[in-house]
Amino acid sequence: MDSLLQFELDDYAVRQPVVDLWTTLLQDVDPNVREGVHWSMSRAVHSDWLDEPAARYLDSKLPEGWQREDWW
């Protein structure tokens, strides 16, 4: 997944598919997938990459205890 983030990410059209993929994977039945995507998000998400509404939306999809307020 980190390879998806190896390009310029200031474009909504480029960024949104990654956000959508993360959102989908956060709902996977396999806990290893959910934990892996959370790890990837934590490494990749920066306040200058996501706007606040997108960061809050992603944060709301995280399980309790994994939610982060340092993304915005």
Protein backbone atom coordinates (compact mmCIF):
# COMPACT_ATOMS: atom_id res chain seq x y z
CA MET A 1 0.00 0.00 0.00
CA ASP A 2 2.82 2.41 0.74
CA SER A 3 3.77 2.23 -2.94
CA LEU A 4 0.50 4.03 -3.70
CA LEU A 5 1.90 7.05 -1.91
CA GLN A 6 5.16 7.47 -3.80
CA PHE A 7 3.93 10.32 -5.98
CA GLU A 8 2.80 13.90 -5.56
CA LEU A 9 -0.34 13.85 -3.42
CA ASP A 10 -1.62 17.39 -3.63
CA ASP A 11 -4.24 16.42 -6.23
CA TYR A 12 -7.69 15.37 -5.03
CA ALA A 13 -8.18 13.03 -8.01
CA VAL A 14 -5.01 11.16 -7.05
CA ARG A 15 -5.57 11.23 -3.30
CA GLN A 16 -9.23 10.20 -3.19
CA PRO A 17 -8.78 6.63 -4.54
CA VAL A 18 -6.23 5.99 -1.77
CA VAL A 19 -8.66 7.32 0.85
CA ASP A 20 -11.43 5.15 -0.63
CA LEU A 21 -9.19 2.06 -0.57
CA TRP A 22 -8.26 2.68 3.06
CA THR A 23 -11.91 3.11 3.99
CA THR A 24 -12.81 -0.17 2.31
CA LEU A 25 -9.94 -2.08 3.89
CA LEU A 26 -10.76 -0.73 7.36
CA GLN A 27 -14.04 -2.65 7.10
CA ASP A 28 -12.41 -5.95 6.06
CA VAL A 29 -13.38 -9.03 8.08
CA ASP A 30 -9.72 -9.98 8.56
CA PRO A 31 -8.29 -8.18 11.60
CA ASN A 32 -4.79 -8.41 10.10
CA VAL A 33 -5.96 -6.43 7.08
CA ARG A 34 -7.55 -3.78 9.29
CA GLU A 35 -4.43 -3.52 11.43
CA GLY A 36 -2.20 -3.37 8.35
CA VAL A 37 -4.17 -0.56 6.76
CA HIS A 38 -4.19 1.36 10.03
CA TRP A 39 -0.41 1.01 10.19
CA SER A 40 -0.10 2.20 6.60
CA MET A 41 -2.41 5.14 7.22
CA SER A 42 -0.49 6.12 10.33
CA ARG A 43 2.77 6.15 8.38
CA ALA A 44 1.40 7.94 5.34
CA VAL A 45 -1.13 10.47 6.57
CA HIS A 46 0.16 13.99 7.13
CA SER A 47 -1.85 17.10 7.87
CA ASP A 48 -0.57 18.70 4.68
CA TRP A 49 -1.72 15.71 2.61
CA LEU A 50 -5.30 15.34 3.84
CA ASP A 51 -7.71 18.18 4.29
CA GLU A 52 -9.48 18.25 7.63
CA PRO A 53 -12.81 16.76 6.46
CA ALA A 54 -11.04 13.79 4.84
CA ALA A 55 -8.85 13.28 7.91
CA ARG A 56 -11.86 13.36 10.23
CA TYR A 57 -13.74 10.95 7.96
CA LEU A 58 -10.86 8.46 7.95
CA ASP A 59 -10.44 8.85 11.69
CA SER A 60 -14.12 8.05 12.20
CA LYS A 61 -13.61 4.73 10.40
CA LEU A 62 -10.88 3.61 12.80
CA PRO A 63 -11.81 1.34 15.71
CA GLU A 64 -11.96 2.94 19.15
CA GLY A 65 -8.52 3.18 20.62
CA TRP A 66 -6.96 3.65 17.18
CA GLN A 67 -8.50 7.04 16.48
CA ARG A 68 -6.07 9.88 15.98
CA GLU A 69 -6.55 13.59 16.35
CA ASP A 70 -3.05 14.45 15.19
CA TRP A 71 -4.05 14.08 11.52
CA TRP A 72 -5.66 17.53 11.37
